[in-house]
Amino acid sequence: MSSLNKLVTEWLSLPDLAEALGVSIKDVHRLLDDRAIVELRVGQRKVRSVPAAFVLDGRIIDSLKGTITVLGDSGFTDEELITWLFTADESLPGTPIEALRQGRKTEIRRRAQALGW
């Protein structure tokens, strides 16, 4: 997990995420249940949190849910898929999460699907 903390520099606790999205904590739990987002326990107190980069303009990145589904179907754990999303790839350039934030869903989904083969 320490290497993941180097990749993901900002985390939001679930209550902070609810505030950032302007929704209730119940709505955040629904997002988790629907796998629109994934969370990990981070920090010394192991607080349930999501990467802050999942939020763009007060909303969850639209293309995130499908990408999470593709990676999950490929056998990735939540920690592995967050690591993949935040690991720099010279051929992009940047990270998959940056590409998703820029609207480059198709390219990232293709790469994610290729991981399953």
PDB file of N, CA and C in Angstrom:
ATOM      1  N   MET A   1       0.818  -1.199   0.000  1.00  0.00           N
ATOM      2  CA  MET A   1       0.000   0.000   0.000  1.00  0.00           C
ATOM      3  C   MET A   1       0.855   1.253   0.000  1.00  0.00           C
ATOM      4  N   SER A   2       2.072   1.194   0.533  1.00  0.00           N
ATOM      5  CA  SER A   2       2.910   2.400   0.576  1.00  0.00           C
ATOM      6  C   SER A   2       3.254   2.889  -0.826  1.00  0.00           C
ATOM      7  N   SER A   3       3.455   1.963  -1.777  1.00  0.00           N
ATOM      8  CA  SER A   3       3.732   2.397  -3.148  1.00  0.00           C
ATOM      9  C   SER A   3       2.493   3.049  -3.763  1.00  0.00           C
ATOM     10  N   LEU A   4       1.320   2.592  -3.384  1.00  0.00           N
ATOM     11  CA  LEU A   4       0.084   3.194  -3.877  1.00  0.00           C
ATOM     12  C   LEU A   4      -0.064   4.622  -3.359  1.00  0.00           C
ATOM     13  N   ASN A   5       0.337   4.856  -2.131  1.00  0.00           N
ATOM     14  CA  ASN A   5       0.263   6.210  -1.572  1.00  0.00           C
ATOM     15  C   ASN A   5       1.200   7.173  -2.289  1.00  0.00           C
ATOM     16  N   LYS A   6       2.232   6.653  -2.929  1.00  0.00           N
ATOM     17  CA  LYS A   6       3.114   7.508  -3.732  1.00  0.00           C
ATOM     18  C   LYS A   6       2.453   7.853  -5.067  1.00  0.00           C
ATOM     19  N   LEU A   7       1.631   6.944  -5.586  1.00  0.00           N
ATOM     20  CA  LEU A   7       0.939   7.176  -6.857  1.00  0.00           C
ATOM     21  C   LEU A   7      -0.277   8.083  -6.680  1.00  0.00           C
ATOM     22  N   VAL A   8      -1.052   7.817  -5.646  1.00  0.00           N
ATOM     23  CA  VAL A   8      -2.269   8.593  -5.370  1.00  0.00           C
ATOM     24  C   VAL A   8      -1.933   9.572  -4.256  1.00  0.00           C
ATOM     25  N   THR A   9      -1.802  10.825  -4.611  1.00  0.00           N
ATOM     26  CA  THR A   9      -1.347  11.817  -3.629  1.00  0.00           C
ATOM     27  C   THR A   9      -2.482  12.437  -2.827  1.00  0.00           C
ATOM     28  N   GLU A  10      -3.720  12.326  -3.313  1.00  0.00           N
ATOM     29  CA  GLU A  10      -4.841  12.917  -2.582  1.00  0.00           C
ATOM     30  C   GLU A  10      -6.013  11.947  -2.534  1.00  0.00           C
ATOM     31  N   TRP A  11      -6.479  11.700  -1.326  1.00  0.00           N
ATOM     32  CA  TRP A  11      -7.605  10.810  -1.090  1.00  0.00           C
ATOM     33  C   TRP A  11      -8.749  11.595  -0.466  1.00  0.00           C
ATOM     34  N   LEU A  12      -9.972  11.148  -0.703  1.00  0.00           N
ATOM     35  CA  LEU A  12     -11.155  11.719  -0.062  1.00  0.00           C
ATOM     36  C   LEU A  12     -11.823  10.632   0.773  1.00  0.00           C
ATOM     37  N   SER A  13     -12.068  10.931   2.053  1.00  0.00           N
ATOM     38  CA  SER A  13     -12.859  10.003   2.858  1.00  0.00           C
ATOM     39  C   SER A  13     -14.267   9.974   2.267  1.00  0.00           C
ATOM     40  N   LEU A  14     -15.045   8.980   2.619  1.00  0.00           N
ATOM     41  CA  LEU A  14     -16.392   8.890   2.054  1.00  0.00           C
ATOM     42  C   LEU A  14     -17.250  10.111   2.403  1.00  0.00           C
ATOM     43  N   PRO A  15     -17.211  10.619   3.650  1.00  0.00           N
ATOM     44  CA  PRO A  15     -17.964  11.854   3.927  1.00  0.00           C
ATOM     45  C   PRO A  15     -17.458  13.046   3.107  1.00  0.00           C
ATOM     46  N   ASP A  16     -16.139  13.143   2.911  1.00  0.00           N
ATOM     47  CA  ASP A  16     -15.595  14.233   2.091  1.00  0.00           C
ATOM     48  C   ASP A  16     -16.021  14.089   0.631  1.00  0.00           C
ATOM     49  N   LEU A  17     -16.092  12.852   0.152  1.00  0.00           N
ATOM     50  CA  LEU A  17     -16.557  12.614  -1.212  1.00  0.00           C
ATOM     51  C   LEU A  17     -18.015  13.045  -1.354  1.00  0.00           C
ATOM     52  N   ALA A  18     -18.833  12.682  -0.373  1.00  0.00           N
ATOM     53  CA  ALA A  18     -20.242  13.087  -0.408  1.00  0.00           C
ATOM     54  C   ALA A  18     -20.356  14.605  -0.492  1.00  0.00           C
ATOM     55  N   GLU A  19     -19.551  15.297   0.291  1.00  0.00           N
ATOM     56  CA  GLU A  19     -19.572  16.762   0.268  1.00  0.00           C
ATOM     57  C   GLU A  19     -19.119  17.299  -1.089  1.00  0.00           C
ATOM     58  N   ALA A  20     -18.053  16.720  -1.642  1.00  0.00           N
ATOM     59  CA  ALA A  20     -17.531  17.180  -2.937  1.00  0.00           C
ATOM     60  C   ALA A  20     -18.552  16.987  -4.059  1.00  0.00           C
ATOM     61  N   LEU A  21     -19.357  15.936  -3.942  1.00  0.00           N
ATOM     62  CA  LEU A  21     -20.360  15.640  -4.968  1.00  0.00           C
ATOM     63  C   LEU A  21     -21.704  16.305  -4.680  1.00  0.00           C
ATOM     64  N   GLY A  22     -21.862  16.808  -3.461  1.00  0.00           N
ATOM     65  CA  GLY A  22     -23.136  17.406  -3.079  1.00  0.00           C
ATOM     66  C   GLY A  22     -24.247  16.383  -2.918  1.00  0.00           C
ATOM     67  N   VAL A  23     -23.881  15.194  -2.400  1.00  0.00           N
ATOM     68  CA  VAL A  23     -24.852  14.117  -2.211  1.00  0.00           C
ATOM     69  C   VAL A  23     -24.762  13.606  -0.777  1.00  0.00           C
ATOM     70  N   SER A  24     -25.655  12.703  -0.419  1.00  0.00           N
ATOM     71  CA  SER A  24     -25.631  12.112   0.917  1.00  0.00           C
ATOM     72  C   SER A  24     -24.619  10.961   0.964  1.00  0.00           C
ATOM     73  N   ILE A  25     -24.243  10.580   2.164  1.00  0.00           N
ATOM     74  CA  ILE A  25     -23.332   9.443   2.331  1.00  0.00           C
ATOM     75  C   ILE A  25     -24.002   8.170   1.801  1.00  0.00           C
ATOM     76  N   LYS A  26     -25.324   8.101   1.908  1.00  0.00           N
ATOM     77  CA  LYS A  26     -26.066   6.956   1.362  1.00  0.00           C
ATOM     78  C   LYS A  26     -25.860   6.865  -0.149  1.00  0.00           C
ATOM     79  N   ASP A  27     -25.850   8.006  -0.826  1.00  0.00           N
ATOM     80  CA  ASP A  27     -25.604   8.017  -2.272  1.00  0.00           C
ATOM     81  C   ASP A  27     -24.186   7.551  -2.596  1.00  0.00           C
ATOM     82  N   VAL A  28     -23.226   7.906  -1.755  1.00  0.00           N
ATOM     83  CA  VAL A  28     -21.844   7.444  -1.950  1.00  0.00           C
ATOM     84  C   VAL A  28     -21.786   5.931  -1.796  1.00  0.00           C
ATOM     85  N   HIS A  29     -22.486   5.396  -0.805  1.00  0.00           N
ATOM     86  CA  HIS A  29     -22.513   3.939  -0.627  1.00  0.00           C
ATOM     87  C   HIS A  29     -23.152   3.258  -1.835  1.00  0.00           C
ATOM     88  N   ARG A  30     -24.143   3.897  -2.429  1.00  0.00           N
ATOM     89  CA  ARG A  30     -24.769   3.348  -3.637  1.00  0.00           C
ATOM     90  C   ARG A  30     -23.758   3.328  -4.791  1.00  0.00           C
ATOM     91  N   LEU A  31     -22.975   4.398  -4.924  1.00  0.00           N
ATOM     92  CA  LEU A  31     -21.930   4.428  -5.957  1.00  0.00           C
ATOM     93  C   LEU A  31     -20.945   3.277  -5.759  1.00  0.00           C
ATOM     94  N   LEU A  32     -20.598   3.008  -4.506  1.00  0.00           N
ATOM     95  CA  LEU A  32     -19.694   1.893  -4.205  1.00  0.00           C
ATOM     96  C   LEU A  32     -20.356   0.556  -4.541  1.00  0.00           C
ATOM     97  N   ASP A  33     -21.615   0.398  -4.141  1.00  0.00           N
ATOM     98  CA  ASP A  33     -22.339  -0.848  -4.426  1.00  0.00           C
ATOM     99  C   ASP A  33     -22.472  -1.088  -5.926  1.00  0.00           C
ATOM    100  N   ASP A  34     -22.666  -0.009  -6.686  1.00  0.00           N
ATOM    101  CA  ASP A  34     -22.807  -0.101  -8.143  1.00  0.00           C
ATOM    102  C   ASP A  34     -21.465  -0.226  -8.860  1.00  0.00           C
ATOM    103  N   ARG A  35     -20.384  -0.144  -8.106  1.00  0.00           N
ATOM    104  CA  ARG A  35     -19.013  -0.195  -8.645  1.00  0.00           C
ATOM    105  C   ARG A  35     -18.746   0.954  -9.618  1.00  0.00           C
ATOM    106  N   ALA A  36     -19.388   2.097  -9.373  1.00  0.00           N
ATOM    107  CA  ALA A  36     -19.077   3.306 -10.133  1.00  0.00           C
ATOM    108  C   ALA A  36     -17.762   3.887  -9.635  1.00  0.00           C
ATOM    109  N   ILE A  37     -17.435   3.568  -8.379  1.00  0.00           N
ATOM    110  CA  ILE A  37     -16.163   3.943  -7.757  1.00  0.00           C
ATOM    111  C   ILE A  37     -15.701   2.771  -6.905  1.00  0.00           C
ATOM    112  N   VAL A  38     -14.441   2.784  -6.548  1.00  0.00           N
ATOM    113  CA  VAL A  38     -13.901   1.797  -5.614  1.00  0.00           C
ATOM    114  C   VAL A  38     -13.184   2.546  -4.508  1.00  0.00           C
ATOM    115  N   GLU A  39     -13.113   1.918  -3.341  1.00  0.00           N
ATOM    116  CA  GLU A  39     -12.473   2.557  -2.203  1.00  0.00           C
ATOM    117  C   GLU A  39     -11.463   1.611  -1.579  1.00  0.00           C
ATOM    118  N   LEU A  40     -10.536   2.200  -0.875  1.00  0.00           N
ATOM    119  CA  LEU A  40      -9.562   1.446  -0.095  1.00  0.00           C
ATOM    120  C   LEU A  40      -9.473   2.068   1.285  1.00  0.00           C
ATOM    121  N   ARG A  41      -8.973   1.309   2.217  1.00  0.00           N
ATOM    122  CA  ARG A  41      -8.710   1.846   3.555  1.00  0.00           C
ATOM    123  C   ARG A  41      -7.286   2.385   3.550  1.00  0.00           C
ATOM    124  N   VAL A  42      -7.154   3.687   3.805  1.00  0.00           N
ATOM    125  CA  VAL A  42      -5.844   4.330   3.711  1.00  0.00           C
ATOM    126  C   VAL A  42      -5.524   5.105   4.985  1.00  0.00           C
ATOM    127  N   GLY A  43      -4.252   5.411   5.116  1.00  0.00           N
ATOM    128  CA  GLY A  43      -3.790   6.196   6.254  1.00  0.00           C
ATOM    129  C   GLY A  43      -3.604   5.341   7.484  1.00  0.00           C
ATOM    130  N   GLN A  44      -3.108   5.975   8.499  1.00  0.00           N
ATOM    131  CA  GLN A  44      -2.812   5.278   9.744  1.00  0.00           C
ATOM    132  C   GLN A  44      -4.079   4.716  10.388  1.00  0.00           C
ATOM    133  N   ARG A  45      -5.188   5.430  10.214  1.00  0.00           N
ATOM    134  CA  ARG A  45      -6.449   5.005  10.827  1.00  0.00           C
ATOM    135  C   ARG A  45      -7.276   4.113   9.903  1.00  0.00           C
ATOM    136  N   LYS A  46      -6.765   3.832   8.703  1.00  0.00           N
ATOM    137  CA  LYS A  46      -7.444   2.948   7.735  1.00  0.00           C
ATOM    138  C   LYS A  46      -8.859   3.442   7.415  1.00  0.00           C
ATOM    139  N   VAL A  47      -8.937   4.708   7.038  1.00  0.00           N
ATOM    140  CA  VAL A  47     -10.210   5.340   6.699  1.00  0.00           C
ATOM    141  C   VAL A  47     -10.607   4.954   5.277  1.00  0.00           C
ATOM    142  N   ARG A  48     -11.856   4.567   5.090  1.00  0.00           N
ATOM    143  CA  ARG A  48     -12.356   4.239   3.747  1.00  0.00           C
ATOM    144  C   ARG A  48     -12.307   5.502   2.900  1.00  0.00           C
ATOM    145  N   SER A  49     -11.564   5.424   1.786  1.00  0.00           N
ATOM    146  CA  SER A  49     -11.327   6.611   0.966  1.00  0.00           C
ATOM    147  C   SER A  49     -11.264   6.248  -0.506  1.00  0.00           C
ATOM    148  N   VAL A  50     -11.456   7.271  -1.344  1.00  0.00           N
ATOM    149  CA  VAL A  50     -11.320   7.121  -2.793  1.00  0.00           C
ATOM    150  C   VAL A  50     -10.326   8.164  -3.287  1.00  0.00           C
ATOM    151  N   PRO A  51      -9.633   7.880  -4.379  1.00  0.00           N
ATOM    152  CA  PRO A  51      -8.740   8.894  -4.940  1.00  0.00           C
ATOM    153  C   PRO A  51      -9.525  10.146  -5.342  1.00  0.00           C
ATOM    154  N   ALA A  52      -9.010  11.304  -4.974  1.00  0.00           N
ATOM    155  CA  ALA A  52      -9.671  12.573  -5.306  1.00  0.00           C
ATOM    156  C   ALA A  52      -9.786  12.764  -6.815  1.00  0.00           C
ATOM    157  N   ALA A  53      -8.879  12.173  -7.577  1.00  0.00           N
ATOM    158  CA  ALA A  53      -8.895  12.325  -9.037  1.00  0.00           C
ATOM    159  C   ALA A  53     -10.100  11.651  -9.685  1.00  0.00           C
ATOM    160  N   PHE A  54     -10.848  10.844  -8.932  1.00  0.00           N
ATOM    161  CA  PHE A  54     -12.075  10.252  -9.465  1.00  0.00           C
ATOM    162  C   PHE A  54     -13.149  11.318  -9.688  1.00  0.00           C
ATOM    163  N   VAL A  55     -12.975  12.484  -9.056  1.00  0.00           N
ATOM    164  CA  VAL A  55     -13.962  13.566  -9.144  1.00  0.00           C
ATOM    165  C   VAL A  55     -13.460  14.628 -10.115  1.00  0.00           C
ATOM    166  N   LEU A  56     -14.337  15.046 -11.005  1.00  0.00           N
ATOM    167  CA  LEU A  56     -14.020  16.100 -11.966  1.00  0.00           C
ATOM    168  C   LEU A  56     -15.235  17.021 -12.061  1.00  0.00           C
ATOM    169  N   ASP A  57     -15.026  18.283 -11.787  1.00  0.00           N
ATOM    170  CA  ASP A  57     -16.109  19.276 -11.852  1.00  0.00           C
ATOM    171  C   ASP A  57     -17.319  18.877 -11.008  1.00  0.00           C
ATOM    172  N   GLY A  58     -17.049  18.372  -9.801  1.00  0.00           N
ATOM    173  CA  GLY A  58     -18.128  18.041  -8.882  1.00  0.00           C
ATOM    174  C   GLY A  58     -18.893  16.778  -9.206  1.00  0.00           C
ATOM    175  N   ARG A  59     -18.347  15.945 -10.095  1.00  0.00           N
ATOM    176  CA  ARG A  59     -18.990  14.687 -10.480  1.00  0.00           C
ATOM    177  C   ARG A  59     -17.940  13.587 -10.581  1.00  0.00           C
ATOM    178  N   ILE A  60     -18.387  12.343 -10.448  1.00  0.00           N
ATOM    179  CA  ILE A  60     -17.503  11.211 -10.710  1.00  0.00           C
ATOM    180  C   ILE A  60     -17.252  11.184 -12.213  1.00  0.00           C
ATOM    181  N   ILE A  61     -16.028  10.921 -12.624  1.00  0.00           N
ATOM    182  CA  ILE A  61     -15.699  10.832 -14.051  1.00  0.00           C
ATOM    183  C   ILE A  61     -16.649   9.823 -14.708  1.00  0.00           C
ATOM    184  N   ASP A  62     -17.326  10.255 -15.756  1.00  0.00           N
ATOM    185  CA  ASP A  62     -18.348   9.427 -16.415  1.00  0.00           C
ATOM    186  C   ASP A  62     -17.823   8.060 -16.850  1.00  0.00           C
ATOM    187  N   SER A  63     -16.633   8.016 -17.367  1.00  0.00           N
ATOM    188  CA  SER A  63     -16.096   6.777 -17.941  1.00  0.00           C
ATOM    189  C   SER A  63     -15.461   5.850 -16.907  1.00  0.00           C
ATOM    190  N   LEU A  64     -15.469   6.252 -15.649  1.00  0.00           N
ATOM    191  CA  LEU A  64     -14.785   5.458 -14.625  1.00  0.00           C
ATOM    192  C   LEU A  64     -15.478   4.122 -14.370  1.00  0.00           C
ATOM    193  N   LYS A  65     -16.799   4.125 -14.254  1.00  0.00           N
ATOM    194  CA  LYS A  65     -17.522   2.893 -13.923  1.00  0.00           C
ATOM    195  C   LYS A  65     -17.232   1.780 -14.929  1.00  0.00           C
ATOM    196  N   GLY A  66     -17.324   2.063 -16.206  1.00  0.00           N
ATOM    197  CA  GLY A  66     -17.061   1.043 -17.221  1.00  0.00           C
ATOM    198  C   GLY A  66     -15.631   0.542 -17.184  1.00  0.00           C
ATOM    199  N   THR A  67     -14.707   1.446 -16.906  1.00  0.00           N
ATOM    200  CA  THR A  67     -13.295   1.060 -16.817  1.00  0.00           C
ATOM    201  C   THR A  67     -13.073   0.163 -15.605  1.00  0.00           C
ATOM    202  N   ILE A  68     -13.711   0.494 -14.484  1.00  0.00           N
ATOM    203  CA  ILE A  68     -13.629  -0.353 -13.287  1.00  0.00           C
ATOM    204  C   ILE A  68     -14.191  -1.739 -13.600  1.00  0.00           C
ATOM    205  N   THR A  69     -15.293  -1.797 -14.330  1.00  0.00           N
ATOM    206  CA  THR A  69     -15.900  -3.080 -14.697  1.00  0.00           C
ATOM    207  C   THR A  69     -14.951  -3.915 -15.549  1.00  0.00           C
ATOM    208  N   VAL A  70     -14.350  -3.301 -16.554  1.00  0.00           N
ATOM    209  CA  VAL A  70     -13.424  -4.024 -17.437  1.00  0.00           C
ATOM    210  C   VAL A  70     -12.239  -4.566 -16.639  1.00  0.00           C
ATOM    211  N   LEU A  71     -11.656  -3.735 -15.789  1.00  0.00           N
ATOM    212  CA  LEU A  71     -10.506  -4.180 -14.996  1.00  0.00           C
ATOM    213  C   LEU A  71     -10.913  -5.258 -13.992  1.00  0.00           C
ATOM    214  N   GLY A  72     -12.069  -5.101 -13.376  1.00  0.00           N
ATOM    215  CA  GLY A  72     -12.561  -6.111 -12.440  1.00  0.00           C
ATOM    216  C   GLY A  72     -12.812  -7.436 -13.135  1.00  0.00           C
ATOM    217  N   ASP A  73     -13.383  -7.378 -14.333  1.00  0.00           N
ATOM    218  CA  ASP A  73     -13.621  -8.600 -15.110  1.00  0.00           C
ATOM    219  C   ASP A  73     -12.312  -9.277 -15.512  1.00  0.00           C
ATOM    220  N   SER A  74     -11.237  -8.502 -15.559  1.00  0.00           N
ATOM    221  CA  SER A  74      -9.917  -9.053 -15.880  1.00  0.00           C
ATOM    222  C   SER A  74      -9.234  -9.630 -14.644  1.00  0.00           C
ATOM    223  N   GLY A  75      -9.911  -9.567 -13.501  1.00  0.00           N
ATOM    224  CA  GLY A  75      -9.374 -10.163 -12.287  1.00  0.00           C
ATOM    225  C   GLY A  75      -8.624  -9.211 -11.374  1.00  0.00           C
ATOM    226  N   PHE A  76      -8.672  -7.924 -11.666  1.00  0.00           N
ATOM    227  CA  PHE A  76      -7.979  -6.949 -10.833  1.00  0.00           C
ATOM    228  C   PHE A  76      -8.713  -6.755  -9.507  1.00  0.00           C
ATOM    229  N   THR A  77      -7.959  -6.689  -8.418  1.00  0.00           N
ATOM    230  CA  THR A  77      -8.528  -6.279  -7.139  1.00  0.00           C
ATOM    231  C   THR A  77      -8.682  -4.762  -7.170  1.00  0.00           C
ATOM    232  N   ASP A  78      -9.394  -4.216  -6.198  1.00  0.00           N
ATOM    233  CA  ASP A  78      -9.555  -2.761  -6.154  1.00  0.00           C
ATOM    234  C   ASP A  78      -8.207  -2.057  -6.024  1.00  0.00           C
ATOM    235  N   GLU A  79      -7.322  -2.596  -5.208  1.00  0.00           N
ATOM    236  CA  GLU A  79      -5.997  -1.985  -5.057  1.00  0.00           C
ATOM    237  C   GLU A  79      -5.215  -2.056  -6.365  1.00  0.00           C
ATOM    238  N   GLU A  80      -5.285  -3.186  -7.052  1.00  0.00           N
ATOM    239  CA  GLU A  80      -4.574  -3.328  -8.325  1.00  0.00           C
ATOM    240  C   GLU A  80      -5.126  -2.387  -9.386  1.00  0.00           C
ATOM    241  N   LEU A  81      -6.444  -2.225  -9.431  1.00  0.00           N
ATOM    242  CA  LEU A  81      -6.990  -1.352 -10.477  1.00  0.00           C
ATOM    243  C   LEU A  81      -6.693   0.112 -10.197  1.00  0.00           C
ATOM    244  N   ILE A  82      -6.694   0.520  -8.930  1.00  0.00           N
ATOM    245  CA  ILE A  82      -6.302   1.898  -8.614  1.00  0.00           C
ATOM    246  C   ILE A  82      -4.833   2.102  -8.959  1.00  0.00           C
ATOM    247  N   THR A  83      -4.008   1.112  -8.656  1.00  0.00           N
ATOM    248  CA  THR A  83      -2.585   1.204  -9.005  1.00  0.00           C
ATOM    249  C   THR A  83      -2.428   1.356 -10.512  1.00  0.00           C
ATOM    250  N   TRP A  84      -3.147   0.558 -11.298  1.00  0.00           N
ATOM    251  CA  TRP A  84      -3.049   0.646 -12.761  1.00  0.00           C
ATOM    252  C   TRP A  84      -3.498   2.014 -13.249  1.00  0.00           C
ATOM    253  N   LEU A  85      -4.603   2.517 -12.726  1.00  0.00           N
ATOM    254  CA  LEU A  85      -5.117   3.815 -13.159  1.00  0.00           C
ATOM    255  C   LEU A  85      -4.148   4.959 -12.891  1.00  0.00           C
ATOM    256  N   PHE A  86      -3.338   4.837 -11.853  1.00  0.00           N
ATOM    257  CA  PHE A  86      -2.458   5.929 -11.441  1.00  0.00           C
ATOM    258  C   PHE A  86      -0.986   5.700 -11.786  1.00  0.00           C
ATOM    259  N   THR A  87      -0.680   4.633 -12.514  1.00  0.00           N
ATOM    260  CA  THR A  87       0.703   4.362 -12.908  1.00  0.00           C
ATOM    261  C   THR A  87       0.978   4.982 -14.274  1.00  0.00           C
ATOM    262  N   ALA A  88       2.044   5.758 -14.342  1.00  0.00           N
ATOM    263  CA  ALA A  88       2.406   6.442 -15.592  1.00  0.00           C
ATOM    264  C   ALA A  88       2.686   5.426 -16.695  1.00  0.00           C
ATOM    265  N   ASP A  89       2.260   5.782 -17.894  1.00  0.00           N
ATOM    266  CA  ASP A  89       2.468   4.956 -19.074  1.00  0.00           C
ATOM    267  C   ASP A  89       3.036   5.868 -20.158  1.00  0.00           C
ATOM    268  N   GLU A  90       4.278   5.618 -20.550  1.00  0.00           N
ATOM    269  CA  GLU A  90       4.953   6.482 -21.525  1.00  0.00           C
ATOM    270  C   GLU A  90       4.212   6.552 -22.852  1.00  0.00           C
ATOM    271  N   SER A  91       3.492   5.497 -23.201  1.00  0.00           N
ATOM    272  CA  SER A  91       2.811   5.483 -24.493  1.00  0.00           C
ATOM    273  C   SER A  91       1.532   6.321 -24.498  1.00  0.00           C
ATOM    274  N   LEU A  92       1.094   6.811 -23.333  1.00  0.00           N
ATOM    275  CA  LEU A  92      -0.146   7.608 -23.322  1.00  0.00           C
ATOM    276  C   LEU A  92       0.049   9.052 -23.768  1.00  0.00           C
ATOM    277  N   PRO A  93       0.848   9.883 -23.300  1.00  0.00           N
ATOM    278  CA  PRO A  93       1.665   9.902 -22.077  1.00  0.00           C
ATOM    279  C   PRO A  93       0.790  10.221 -20.861  1.00  0.00           C
ATOM    280  N   GLY A  94       1.372  10.018 -19.694  1.00  0.00           N
ATOM    281  CA  GLY A  94       0.652  10.269 -18.452  1.00  0.00           C
ATOM    282  C   GLY A  94       0.118   8.978 -17.874  1.00  0.00           C
ATOM    283  N   THR A  95      -0.955   9.103 -17.113  1.00  0.00           N
ATOM    284  CA  THR A  95      -1.565   7.947 -16.467  1.00  0.00           C
ATOM    285  C   THR A  95      -2.946   7.687 -17.067  1.00  0.00           C
ATOM    286  N   PRO A  96      -3.451   6.467 -16.929  1.00  0.00           N
ATOM    287  CA  PRO A  96      -4.804   6.195 -17.409  1.00  0.00           C
ATOM    288  C   PRO A  96      -5.864   7.109 -16.773  1.00  0.00           C
ATOM    289  N   ILE A  97      -5.731   7.427 -15.485  1.00  0.00           N
ATOM    290  CA  ILE A  97      -6.735   8.296 -14.860  1.00  0.00           C
ATOM    291  C   ILE A  97      -6.692   9.695 -15.473  1.00  0.00           C
ATOM    292  N   GLU A  98      -5.504  10.183 -15.812  1.00  0.00           N
ATOM    293  CA  GLU A  98      -5.410  11.491 -16.477  1.00  0.00           C
ATOM    294  C   GLU A  98      -6.088  11.440 -17.843  1.00  0.00           C
ATOM    295  N   ALA A  99      -5.890  10.342 -18.555  1.00  0.00           N
ATOM    296  CA  ALA A  99      -6.521  10.193 -19.871  1.00  0.00           C
ATOM    297  C   ALA A  99      -8.045  10.153 -19.742  1.00  0.00           C
ATOM    298  N   LEU A 100      -8.557   9.443 -18.738  1.00  0.00           N
ATOM    299  CA  LEU A 100     -10.002   9.413 -18.521  1.00  0.00           C
ATOM    300  C   LEU A 100     -10.528  10.807 -18.189  1.00  0.00           C
ATOM    301  N   ARG A 101      -9.782  11.545 -17.395  1.00  0.00           N
ATOM    302  CA  ARG A 101     -10.192  12.915 -17.039  1.00  0.00           C
ATOM    303  C   ARG A 101     -10.207  13.824 -18.270  1.00  0.00           C
ATOM    304  N   GLN A 102      -9.423  13.471 -19.293  1.00  0.00           N
ATOM    305  CA  GLN A 102      -9.369  14.245 -20.534  1.00  0.00           C
ATOM    306  C   GLN A 102     -10.374  13.735 -21.572  1.00  0.00           C
ATOM    307  N   GLY A 103     -11.167  12.731 -21.194  1.00  0.00           N
ATOM    308  CA  GLY A 103     -12.188  12.214 -22.102  1.00  0.00           C
ATOM    309  C   GLY A 103     -11.704  11.153 -23.070  1.00  0.00           C
ATOM    310  N   ARG A 104     -10.553  10.538 -22.798  1.00  0.00           N
ATOM    311  CA  ARG A 104      -9.988   9.538 -23.713  1.00  0.00           C
ATOM    312  C   ARG A 104     -10.373   8.122 -23.274  1.00  0.00           C
ATOM    313  N   LYS A 105     -11.668   7.898 -23.139  1.00  0.00           N
ATOM    314  CA  LYS A 105     -12.208   6.640 -22.631  1.00  0.00           C
ATOM    315  C   LYS A 105     -11.873   5.447 -23.521  1.00  0.00           C
ATOM    316  N   THR A 106     -12.069   5.570 -24.815  1.00  0.00           N
ATOM    317  CA  THR A 106     -11.897   4.436 -25.730  1.00  0.00           C
ATOM    318  C   THR A 106     -10.488   3.875 -25.654  1.00  0.00           C
ATOM    319  N   GLU A 107      -9.511   4.743 -25.671  1.00  0.00           N
ATOM    320  CA  GLU A 107      -8.111   4.318 -25.609  1.00  0.00           C
ATOM    321  C   GLU A 107      -7.825   3.562 -24.313  1.00  0.00           C
ATOM    322  N   ILE A 108      -8.325   4.064 -23.206  1.00  0.00           N
ATOM    323  CA  ILE A 108      -8.064   3.434 -21.911  1.00  0.00           C
ATOM    324  C   ILE A 108      -8.812   2.114 -21.798  1.00  0.00           C
ATOM    325  N   ARG A 109     -10.032   2.062 -22.274  1.00  0.00           N
ATOM    326  CA  ARG A 109     -10.791   0.804 -22.215  1.00  0.00           C
ATOM    327  C   ARG A 109     -10.128  -0.274 -23.060  1.00  0.00           C
ATOM    328  N   ARG A 110      -9.601   0.107 -24.224  1.00  0.00           N
ATOM    329  CA  ARG A 110      -8.888  -0.865 -25.068  1.00  0.00           C
ATOM    330  C   ARG A 110      -7.696  -1.438 -24.313  1.00  0.00           C
ATOM    331  N   ARG A 111      -6.954  -0.572 -23.672  1.00  0.00           N
ATOM    332  CA  ARG A 111      -5.787  -1.026 -22.908  1.00  0.00           C
ATOM    333  C   ARG A 111      -6.214  -1.926 -21.749  1.00  0.00           C
ATOM    334  N   ALA A 112      -7.285  -1.551 -21.078  1.00  0.00           N
ATOM    335  CA  ALA A 112      -7.776  -2.351 -19.951  1.00  0.00           C
ATOM    336  C   ALA A 112      -8.249  -3.725 -20.429  1.00  0.00           C
ATOM    337  N   GLN A 113      -8.942  -3.766 -21.568  1.00  0.00           N
ATOM    338  CA  GLN A 113      -9.404  -5.045 -22.110  1.00  0.00           C
ATOM    339  C   GLN A 113      -8.232  -5.932 -22.499  1.00  0.00           C
ATOM    340  N   ALA A 114      -7.178  -5.336 -23.031  1.00  0.00           N
ATOM    341  CA  ALA A 114      -5.999  -6.109 -23.437  1.00  0.00           C
ATOM    342  C   ALA A 114      -5.336  -6.778 -22.237  1.00  0.00           C
ATOM    343  N   LEU A 115      -5.491  -6.209 -21.061  1.00  0.00           N
ATOM    344  CA  LEU A 115      -4.899  -6.800 -19.859  1.00  0.00           C
ATOM    345  C   LEU A 115      -5.551  -8.129 -19.508  1.00  0.00           C
ATOM    346  N   GLY A 116      -6.793  -8.308 -19.934  1.00  0.00           N
ATOM    347  CA  GLY A 116      -7.519  -9.540 -19.631  1.00  0.00           C
ATOM    348  C   GLY A 116      -7.170 -10.705 -20.534  1.00  0.00           C
ATOM    349  N   TRP A 117      -6.444 -10.452 -21.602  1.00  0.00           N
ATOM    350  CA  TRP A 117      -6.117 -11.511 -22.558  1.00  0.00           C
ATOM    351  C   TRP A 117      -4.808 -12.135 -22.263  1.00  0.00           C
TER     352      TRP A 117
END
